[in-house]
């Protein structure tokens, strides 16, 4: 009985150990690397690559030798009867004799080797299979870039949510202190009730924002887990903070990186499309060429009125055939011509699309540079504005405590501070996302 339970216990221990080895804390780069292996889209992209390789070989194999076997057995439950003139057997003219020409049972086994000698469409098909593999590789590259963008955006959103919660909790604590102190002052009759109401309004707004931020913090973390390929309830920890990550993402040298069309994945995919259209034109033309194939077979047959095919004395009769077949297209009522013209039109359209893509990608690069530059500028501006808003709020807080400023003035300063805080947080996320967008256009991995 101990041996029976020993293996399940080992398996359970191994599964538990494997589960413990799953990482639950990530830097941004670690998150991207993990997602490229475990993201659901990335997993299927890898499968597509394998499938494309198999499809390529499937195409190639159609032009290689093919061997097929055939085994048959027949039992004529009711044998066909033929009649012939009886005079052939010495009978009276004008009469007929019933004759059965075959045995009741028969068996045969045949093996046939076929080989394609020439087929223009096969040659084009092999070229198309290679192009399809290239297309799949480029599709995977694009998929990986999209996964990276999604991870960066999700990572930034989690950090944004965490920072928002921390800032709102700090704001709430300061407001609660203000409300408490104002209540005491009001009890002593040294202020108006309206001042207290103003602070309570601000506090209620902060409370509502904080609750929403806490919910978003949980949701963004679950979304992050989903994108990188972890169960959504995994207690994941992000090792970087928003300030440090933003400073790391400011790279002015990236703005000086020249744009190369050949590196852009969308340009590569458009190149694949043009190659495909060229091959479709070649395929349409190849259908006017003859096809040539050869075959050789070898078979053996046996005949008997009883089932004696496995007996050693059963006689078997061998046969073999060698042949070559050529199929020559002669006239198709201009069907092939129309097909060729359609393929040429499709190629011309693809060339036009290529020109459009070149212009659009150039514009996309310029826009990505501009957006990245703007994001950096907005980050610096919002950082300075936040420092000013904090200074203004502190001054108004002091004035309010001394009875110089009203609650309206304090609330206005606080509102300005809260707005500056959110703008600052969003500007950091924008820097991170816009850098990733520019890297995607440049395909700068």
Protein backbone atom coordinates (compact mmCIF):
# COMPACT_ATOMS: atom_id res chain seq x y z
CA UNK A 1 0.00 0.00 0.00
CA UNK A 2 2.91 2.35 0.66
CA UNK A 3 4.10 1.95 -2.93
CA UNK A 4 0.65 2.77 -4.24
CA UNK A 5 0.58 6.17 -2.53
CA UNK A 6 4.28 6.97 -3.06
CA UNK A 7 4.00 8.07 -6.70
CA UNK A 8 0.97 10.38 -6.23
CA UNK A 9 2.74 12.05 -3.30
CA UNK A 10 5.82 12.64 -5.47
CA UNK A 11 3.69 14.01 -8.27
CA UNK A 12 1.89 16.35 -5.90
CA UNK A 13 5.21 17.59 -4.53
CA UNK A 14 6.54 18.15 -8.05
CA UNK A 15 3.42 20.09 -9.12
CA UNK A 16 3.59 22.21 -5.96
CA UNK A 17 7.27 22.97 -6.59
CA UNK A 18 6.54 23.88 -10.20
CA UNK A 19 3.81 26.25 -9.10
CA UNK A 20 6.13 27.90 -6.59
CA UNK A 21 8.71 28.55 -9.31
CA UNK A 22 6.33 30.78 -11.29
CA UNK A 23 7.67 34.34 -10.94
CA UNK A 24 5.36 36.82 -9.25
CA UNK A 25 7.56 39.93 -9.23
CA UNK A 26 8.72 41.69 -12.37
CA UNK A 27 10.73 44.55 -13.68
CA UNK A 28 9.35 45.93 -16.94
CA UNK A 29 11.90 44.04 -19.04
CA UNK A 30 11.26 40.82 -17.13
CA UNK A 31 7.52 41.25 -17.70
CA UNK A 32 8.05 41.70 -21.44
CA UNK A 33 10.31 38.65 -21.64
CA UNK A 34 7.83 36.54 -19.68
CA UNK A 35 4.90 37.68 -21.83
CA UNK A 36 6.72 36.80 -25.07
CA UNK A 37 6.79 33.20 -23.84
CA UNK A 38 3.50 32.94 -21.99
CA UNK A 39 1.07 35.47 -23.48
CA UNK A 40 -1.80 33.65 -25.19
CA UNK A 41 -1.28 35.46 -28.48
CA UNK A 42 2.47 34.76 -28.36
CA UNK A 43 1.86 31.06 -27.75
CA UNK A 44 -0.39 30.80 -30.79
CA UNK A 45 2.10 32.80 -32.87
CA UNK A 46 4.73 30.17 -32.10
CA UNK A 47 2.27 27.49 -33.15
CA UNK A 48 1.64 29.38 -36.39
CA UNK A 49 5.37 29.27 -37.09
CA UNK A 50 5.47 25.51 -36.65
CA UNK A 51 2.34 25.16 -38.77
CA UNK A 52 3.91 27.23 -41.57
CA UNK A 53 6.99 24.99 -41.61
CA UNK A 54 4.78 21.91 -41.82
CA UNK A 55 2.74 23.49 -44.61
CA UNK A 56 5.94 24.24 -46.52
CA UNK A 57 7.01 20.62 -46.34
CA UNK A 58 3.50 19.49 -47.25
CA UNK A 59 3.81 21.52 -50.47
CA UNK A 60 7.31 20.24 -51.24
CA UNK A 61 6.28 16.64 -50.62
CA UNK A 62 3.63 16.71 -53.34
CA UNK A 63 6.41 16.76 -55.96
CA UNK A 64 8.41 13.93 -54.37
CA UNK A 65 7.86 10.20 -55.02
CA UNK A 66 4.54 8.88 -53.75
CA UNK A 67 3.90 5.19 -53.06
CA UNK A 68 0.41 3.83 -52.58
CA UNK A 69 -0.74 0.30 -52.01
CA UNK A 70 -4.02 -1.38 -52.81
CA UNK A 71 -5.34 -4.72 -51.60
CA UNK A 72 -8.68 -6.08 -52.75
CA UNK A 73 -10.74 -9.24 -52.31
CA UNK A 74 -13.89 -10.12 -54.24
CA UNK A 75 -16.43 -12.88 -53.69
CA UNK A 76 -19.01 -13.06 -56.43
CA UNK A 77 -22.05 -14.24 -54.52
CA UNK A 78 -23.91 -14.56 -57.82
CA UNK A 79 -21.51 -15.07 -60.70
CA UNK A 80 -22.31 -13.43 -64.04
CA UNK A 81 -23.26 -15.82 -66.83
CA UNK A 82 -22.48 -15.29 -70.52
CA UNK A 83 -23.99 -17.18 -73.48
CA UNK A 84 -22.10 -18.17 -76.63
CA UNK A 85 -23.21 -20.10 -79.73
CA UNK A 86 -23.37 -23.84 -78.99
CA UNK A 87 -21.83 -24.72 -82.35
CA UNK A 88 -18.44 -23.52 -80.91
CA UNK A 89 -18.57 -26.63 -78.72
CA UNK A 90 -20.00 -28.92 -81.46
CA UNK A 91 -23.62 -28.23 -80.61
CA UNK A 92 -26.49 -27.49 -82.91
CA UNK A 93 -26.35 -24.16 -84.76
CA UNK A 94 -28.76 -21.56 -83.47
CA UNK A 95 -28.54 -22.75 -79.88
CA UNK A 96 -26.47 -21.24 -77.05
CA UNK A 97 -24.48 -22.52 -74.12
CA UNK A 98 -24.27 -20.79 -70.70
CA UNK A 99 -20.69 -20.11 -69.67
CA UNK A 100 -19.11 -18.64 -66.49
CA UNK A 101 -15.77 -17.07 -67.39
CA UNK A 102 -14.45 -16.18 -63.93
CA UNK A 103 -13.78 -17.96 -60.68
CA UNK A 104 -16.03 -17.21 -57.76
CA UNK A 105 -13.36 -15.53 -55.63
CA UNK A 106 -10.34 -13.38 -56.42
CA UNK A 107 -7.70 -11.36 -54.56
CA UNK A 108 -5.10 -8.84 -55.66
CA UNK A 109 -2.38 -6.63 -54.18
CA UNK A 110 -0.79 -3.70 -56.02
CA UNK A 111 1.85 -1.07 -55.15
CA UNK A 112 2.16 2.05 -57.34
CA UNK A 113 4.99 4.57 -57.41
CA UNK A 114 4.14 7.97 -58.91
CA UNK A 115 6.51 10.84 -59.60
CA UNK A 116 5.76 14.34 -60.74
CA UNK A 117 8.26 15.18 -63.48
CA UNK A 118 7.19 18.70 -64.42
CA UNK A 119 4.41 20.99 -63.27
CA UNK A 120 4.75 24.75 -63.38
CA UNK A 121 2.21 25.23 -60.60
CA UNK A 122 4.27 22.98 -58.33
CA UNK A 123 7.35 25.14 -58.77
CA UNK A 124 5.32 28.25 -57.97
CA UNK A 125 3.74 26.45 -55.02
CA UNK A 126 7.15 25.72 -53.47
CA UNK A 127 8.13 29.38 -53.87
CA UNK A 128 4.81 30.43 -52.32
CA UNK A 129 5.40 28.10 -49.37
CA UNK A 130 8.70 29.86 -48.62
CA UNK A 131 6.99 33.24 -48.90
CA UNK A 132 4.29 32.04 -46.50
CA UNK A 133 6.96 31.05 -43.96
CA UNK A 134 8.48 34.54 -44.26
CA UNK A 135 5.03 36.06 -43.85
CA UNK A 136 4.40 33.98 -40.72
CA UNK A 137 7.74 35.04 -39.26
CA UNK A 138 6.90 38.69 -39.88
CA UNK A 139 3.43 38.18 -38.43
CA UNK A 140 5.01 36.72 -35.30
CA UNK A 141 7.39 39.67 -35.14
CA UNK A 142 4.44 42.06 -35.32
CA UNK A 143 2.59 40.02 -32.71
CA UNK A 144 5.60 40.21 -30.39
CA UNK A 145 5.77 43.98 -30.82
CA UNK A 146 2.07 44.28 -30.00
CA UNK A 147 2.53 42.07 -26.94
CA UNK A 148 5.42 44.28 -25.81
CA UNK A 149 3.29 47.41 -26.24
CA UNK A 150 0.45 45.83 -24.28
CA UNK A 151 2.77 44.80 -21.45
CA UNK A 152 4.37 48.26 -21.22
CA UNK A 153 0.95 49.92 -21.18
CA UNK A 154 -0.41 47.49 -18.58
CA UNK A 155 2.73 47.84 -16.43
CA UNK A 156 2.42 51.64 -16.53
CA UNK A 157 -1.29 51.49 -15.72
CA UNK A 158 -0.64 49.38 -12.63
CA UNK A 159 2.04 51.79 -11.42
CA UNK A 160 -0.28 54.71 -12.18
CA UNK A 161 -3.08 53.12 -10.16
CA UNK A 162 -0.74 52.38 -7.25
CA UNK A 163 0.63 55.93 -7.22
CA UNK A 164 -2.89 57.35 -7.47
CA UNK A 165 -3.97 55.38 -4.41
CA UNK A 166 -0.92 56.51 -2.44
CA UNK A 167 -1.43 60.19 -3.35
CA UNK A 168 -5.16 60.11 -2.66
CA UNK A 169 -4.59 58.46 0.71
CA UNK A 170 -2.12 61.22 1.58
CA UNK A 171 -4.57 63.89 0.42
CA UNK A 172 -7.34 62.26 2.41
CA UNK A 173 -5.20 62.22 5.55
CA UNK A 174 -4.39 65.93 5.17
CA UNK A 175 -8.04 66.81 4.57
CA UNK A 176 -9.22 64.80 7.55
CA UNK A 177 -6.74 66.74 9.66
CA UNK A 178 -8.10 70.02 8.26
CA UNK A 179 -11.70 68.96 8.93
CA UNK A 180 -10.86 67.92 12.49
CA UNK A 181 -9.06 71.18 13.26
CA UNK A 182 -11.82 73.26 11.66
CA UNK A 183 -14.45 71.44 13.72
CA UNK A 184 -12.57 72.38 16.90
CA UNK A 185 -12.24 75.98 15.77
CA UNK A 186 -15.96 76.06 14.95
CA UNK A 187 -16.81 74.72 18.40
CA UNK A 188 -14.99 77.71 19.85
CA UNK A 189 -16.90 80.03 17.54
CA UNK A 190 -13.79 81.25 15.73
CA UNK A 191 -14.87 80.33 12.20
CA UNK A 192 -17.97 79.97 10.09
CA UNK A 193 -19.74 76.68 9.45
CA UNK A 194 -19.42 77.29 5.70
CA UNK A 195 -15.65 76.83 5.96
CA UNK A 196 -16.18 73.39 7.45
CA UNK A 197 -18.71 72.50 4.75
CA UNK A 198 -16.25 73.43 2.01
CA UNK A 199 -13.64 71.08 3.46
CA UNK A 200 -16.19 68.28 3.83
CA UNK A 201 -17.17 68.64 0.18
CA UNK A 202 -13.52 68.28 -0.86
CA UNK A 203 -13.05 65.32 1.50
CA UNK A 204 -16.12 63.54 0.11
CA UNK A 205 -14.77 63.97 -3.42
CA UNK A 206 -11.38 62.59 -2.40
CA UNK A 207 -13.03 59.63 -0.67
CA UNK A 208 -14.96 58.79 -3.83
CA UNK A 209 -11.83 59.07 -5.99
CA UNK A 210 -9.87 56.91 -3.56
CA UNK A 211 -12.45 54.12 -3.63
CA UNK A 212 -12.43 54.17 -7.41
CA UNK A 213 -8.61 54.19 -7.48
CA UNK A 214 -8.48 51.14 -5.21
CA UNK A 215 -10.86 49.28 -7.52
CA UNK A 216 -8.81 50.31 -10.58
CA UNK A 217 -5.63 49.17 -8.85
CA UNK A 218 -7.05 45.66 -8.54
CA UNK A 219 -8.43 45.63 -12.09
CA UNK A 220 -5.23 46.91 -13.70
CA UNK A 221 -3.18 44.29 -11.86
CA UNK A 222 -5.51 41.55 -13.08
CA UNK A 223 -5.26 42.92 -16.61
CA UNK A 224 -1.47 42.91 -16.33
CA UNK A 225 -1.53 39.26 -15.22
CA UNK A 226 -3.78 38.35 -18.13
CA UNK A 227 -1.52 40.05 -20.67
CA UNK A 228 1.70 38.41 -19.49
CA UNK A 229 0.05 34.99 -19.21
CA UNK A 230 -0.50 34.53 -15.49
CA UNK A 231 -3.76 33.62 -13.71
CA UNK A 232 -5.49 36.93 -13.05
CA UNK A 233 -5.65 36.37 -9.28
CA UNK A 234 -1.85 35.96 -8.98
CA UNK A 235 -0.50 38.38 -6.30
CA UNK A 236 1.98 39.99 -8.70
CA UNK A 237 4.49 42.61 -7.52
CA UNK A 238 6.00 45.25 -9.81
CA UNK A 239 9.57 45.99 -8.78
CA UNK A 240 9.88 49.44 -10.37
CA UNK A 241 8.20 52.67 -9.42
CA UNK A 242 6.73 55.19 -11.82
CA UNK A 243 9.29 57.96 -11.23
CA UNK A 244 12.35 55.76 -11.79
CA UNK A 245 10.84 54.01 -14.79
CA UNK A 246 9.94 57.32 -16.43
CA UNK A 247 13.47 58.68 -16.04
CA UNK A 248 14.82 55.47 -17.59
CA UNK A 249 12.49 55.87 -20.57
CA UNK A 250 13.74 59.36 -21.48
CA UNK A 251 16.19 58.71 -24.32
CA UNK A 252 16.95 61.66 -26.58
CA UNK A 253 19.29 59.51 -28.70
CA UNK A 254 16.25 57.53 -29.78
CA UNK A 255 14.90 60.66 -31.45
CA UNK A 256 18.06 60.79 -33.58
CA UNK A 257 17.77 57.17 -34.74
CA UNK A 258 17.26 57.11 -38.53
CA UNK A 259 14.13 55.43 -39.85
CA UNK A 260 14.69 52.31 -41.97
CA UNK A 261 11.71 51.05 -43.93
CA UNK A 262 13.23 47.58 -44.23
CA UNK A 263 13.19 47.21 -40.42
CA UNK A 264 9.55 48.15 -40.03
CA UNK A 265 7.37 45.06 -39.66
CA UNK A 266 4.39 46.56 -41.52
CA UNK A 267 6.67 47.24 -44.49
CA UNK A 268 7.91 43.64 -44.32
CA UNK A 269 4.33 42.37 -44.39
CA UNK A 270 3.52 44.58 -47.37
CA UNK A 271 6.61 43.19 -49.11
CA UNK A 272 5.26 39.70 -48.45
CA UNK A 273 1.95 40.71 -50.02
CA UNK A 274 3.70 41.91 -53.17
CA UNK A 275 5.69 38.67 -53.36
CA UNK A 276 2.48 36.72 -52.99
CA UNK A 277 0.80 38.66 -55.80
CA UNK A 278 3.81 38.10 -58.07
CA UNK A 279 3.63 34.37 -57.40
CA UNK A 280 -0.11 34.35 -58.09
CA UNK A 281 0.64 35.89 -61.49
CA UNK A 282 3.28 33.23 -62.16
CA UNK A 283 0.81 30.55 -61.11
CA UNK A 284 -1.83 31.86 -63.52
CA UNK A 285 0.73 31.80 -66.34
CA UNK A 286 1.98 28.33 -65.41
CA UNK A 287 -1.47 26.83 -65.97
CA UNK A 288 -0.86 27.17 -69.73
CA UNK A 289 2.16 24.83 -69.48
CA UNK A 290 1.92 21.05 -69.86
CA UNK A 291 2.32 18.75 -66.87
CA UNK A 292 4.33 15.55 -66.99
CA UNK A 293 4.22 12.68 -64.53
CA UNK A 294 5.32 9.07 -64.47
CA UNK A 295 4.32 5.93 -62.64
CA UNK A 296 5.30 2.32 -62.19
CA UNK A 297 3.33 -0.34 -60.42
CA UNK A 298 3.70 -3.94 -59.45
CA UNK A 299 0.88 -6.25 -58.51
CA UNK A 300 -0.15 -9.83 -58.09
CA UNK A 301 -3.53 -11.56 -58.39
CA UNK A 302 -5.01 -14.92 -57.52
CA UNK A 303 -8.26 -16.67 -58.49
CA UNK A 304 -10.14 -19.54 -56.88
CA UNK A 305 -13.61 -20.91 -56.35
CA UNK A 306 -12.76 -21.41 -52.66
CA UNK A 307 -10.96 -19.16 -50.18
CA UNK A 308 -7.49 -20.63 -50.58
CA UNK A 309 -5.44 -17.42 -50.90
CA UNK A 310 -3.34 -18.15 -47.83
CA UNK A 311 -2.51 -21.71 -48.87
CA UNK A 312 1.05 -22.35 -49.93
CA UNK A 313 0.03 -23.99 -53.20
CA UNK A 314 -2.21 -21.10 -54.28
CA UNK A 315 -0.97 -19.76 -57.60
CA UNK A 316 -0.46 -16.00 -57.89
CA UNK A 317 -0.02 -14.10 -61.17
CA UNK A 318 2.31 -11.09 -61.21
CA UNK A 319 1.92 -7.95 -63.33
CA UNK A 320 3.73 -4.63 -63.68
CA UNK A 321 3.14 -1.43 -65.65
CA UNK A 322 5.42 1.51 -66.42
CA UNK A 323 3.85 4.69 -67.81
CA UNK A 324 4.29 8.40 -68.48
CA UNK A 325 1.43 10.84 -68.73
CA UNK A 326 1.45 14.33 -70.22
CA UNK A 327 -1.44 16.73 -69.90
CA UNK A 328 -1.38 19.57 -72.43
CA UNK A 329 -3.75 22.55 -72.00
CA UNK A 330 -5.06 23.53 -75.45
CA UNK A 331 -8.09 25.78 -75.22
CA UNK A 332 -10.00 27.08 -72.19
CA UNK A 333 -12.29 29.62 -73.85
CA UNK A 334 -9.92 32.37 -72.59
CA UNK A 335 -10.45 31.36 -68.97
CA UNK A 336 -6.69 31.18 -68.35
CA UNK A 337 -6.21 34.56 -70.00
CA UNK A 338 -8.80 36.17 -67.75
CA UNK A 339 -7.21 34.56 -64.71
CA UNK A 340 -3.79 35.91 -65.72
CA UNK A 341 -5.18 39.41 -66.23
CA UNK A 342 -6.86 39.37 -62.82
CA UNK A 343 -3.59 38.29 -61.20
CA UNK A 344 -1.76 41.15 -62.94
CA UNK A 345 -4.37 43.64 -61.68
CA UNK A 346 -3.96 42.30 -58.13
CA UNK A 347 -0.19 42.77 -58.42
CA UNK A 348 -0.61 46.35 -59.61
CA UNK A 349 -2.90 47.06 -56.67
CA UNK A 350 -0.33 45.60 -54.28
CA UNK A 351 2.37 47.85 -55.74
CA UNK A 352 0.14 50.86 -55.18
CA UNK A 353 -0.49 49.75 -51.61
CA UNK A 354 3.26 49.46 -51.13
CA UNK A 355 3.75 53.08 -52.20
CA UNK A 356 0.97 54.20 -49.86
CA UNK A 357 2.47 52.19 -47.00
CA UNK A 358 5.88 53.78 -47.49
CA UNK A 359 4.37 57.26 -47.18
CA UNK A 360 2.18 56.33 -44.22
CA UNK A 361 5.07 54.73 -42.31
CA UNK A 362 7.22 57.80 -42.88
CA UNK A 363 4.42 59.94 -41.48
CA UNK A 364 3.90 57.51 -38.60
CA UNK A 365 7.57 57.80 -37.67
CA UNK A 366 7.44 61.59 -37.71
CA UNK A 367 4.28 61.55 -35.60
CA UNK A 368 5.79 59.07 -33.12
CA UNK A 369 8.86 61.28 -32.71
CA UNK A 370 6.69 64.33 -32.20
CA UNK A 371 4.48 62.57 -29.65
CA UNK A 372 7.51 61.27 -27.74
CA UNK A 373 9.09 64.73 -27.68
CA UNK A 374 5.79 66.24 -26.53
CA UNK A 375 5.43 63.59 -23.82
CA UNK A 376 8.89 64.43 -22.45
CA UNK A 377 8.12 68.16 -22.53
CA UNK A 378 4.75 67.63 -20.84
CA UNK A 379 6.43 65.51 -18.18
CA UNK A 380 8.93 68.25 -17.36
CA UNK A 381 6.18 70.89 -17.40
CA UNK A 382 3.82 68.89 -15.19
CA UNK A 383 6.68 68.16 -12.79
CA UNK A 384 7.37 71.89 -12.44
CA UNK A 385 3.66 72.65 -12.18
CA UNK A 386 3.27 70.09 -9.41
CA UNK A 387 6.06 71.74 -7.42
CA UNK A 388 4.35 75.11 -7.84
CA UNK A 389 0.94 73.70 -6.90
CA UNK A 390 2.40 72.10 -3.77
CA UNK A 391 4.00 75.40 -2.77
CA UNK A 392 0.75 77.31 -3.37
CA UNK A 393 -1.24 74.75 -1.37
CA UNK A 394 1.20 74.92 1.54
CA UNK A 395 1.02 78.73 1.62
CA UNK A 396 -2.76 78.67 1.58
CA UNK A 397 -2.79 76.02 4.27
CA UNK A 398 -0.65 78.24 6.49
CA UNK A 399 -2.84 81.27 5.74
CA UNK A 400 -5.97 79.23 6.50
CA UNK A 401 -4.54 78.01 9.79
CA UNK A 402 -3.73 81.62 10.69
CA UNK A 403 -7.20 82.77 9.66
CA UNK A 404 -5.93 84.90 6.78
CA UNK A 405 -7.27 82.72 3.92
CA UNK A 406 -10.84 81.47 3.53
CA UNK A 407 -11.88 77.88 2.97
CA UNK A 408 -12.72 78.83 -0.64
CA UNK A 409 -9.12 79.86 -1.26
CA UNK A 410 -7.78 76.73 0.41
CA UNK A 411 -10.15 74.50 -1.53
CA UNK A 412 -9.12 76.16 -4.80
CA UNK A 413 -5.44 75.58 -3.99
CA UNK A 414 -6.14 71.97 -3.02
CA UNK A 415 -8.13 71.34 -6.20
CA UNK A 416 -5.30 72.80 -8.27
CA UNK A 417 -2.84 70.53 -6.44
CA UNK A 418 -4.93 67.42 -6.99
CA UNK A 419 -5.26 68.22 -10.69
CA UNK A 420 -1.50 68.77 -10.97
CA UNK A 421 -0.86 65.44 -9.24
CA UNK A 422 -2.98 63.54 -11.74
CA UNK A 423 -1.46 65.39 -14.70
CA UNK A 424 2.01 64.54 -13.42
CA UNK A 425 1.17 60.85 -13.05
CA UNK A 426 -0.41 60.71 -16.50
CA UNK A 427 2.57 62.51 -18.06
CA UNK A 428 4.91 59.80 -16.76
CA UNK A 429 2.77 57.06 -18.26
CA UNK A 430 2.66 58.98 -21.55
CA UNK A 431 6.47 59.11 -21.70
CA UNK A 432 6.66 55.34 -21.22
CA UNK A 433 3.96 54.57 -23.79
CA UNK A 434 5.18 57.04 -26.43
CA UNK A 435 8.71 55.69 -26.24
CA UNK A 436 7.37 52.21 -26.84
CA UNK A 437 5.34 53.50 -29.78
CA UNK A 438 8.45 55.03 -31.36
CA UNK A 439 10.45 51.85 -30.73
CA UNK A 440 7.70 49.86 -32.44
CA UNK A 441 7.85 52.01 -35.56
CA UNK A 442 11.64 51.76 -35.62
CA UNK A 443 11.47 48.08 -34.61
CA UNK A 444 14.21 48.95 -32.14
CA UNK A 445 14.30 45.91 -29.85
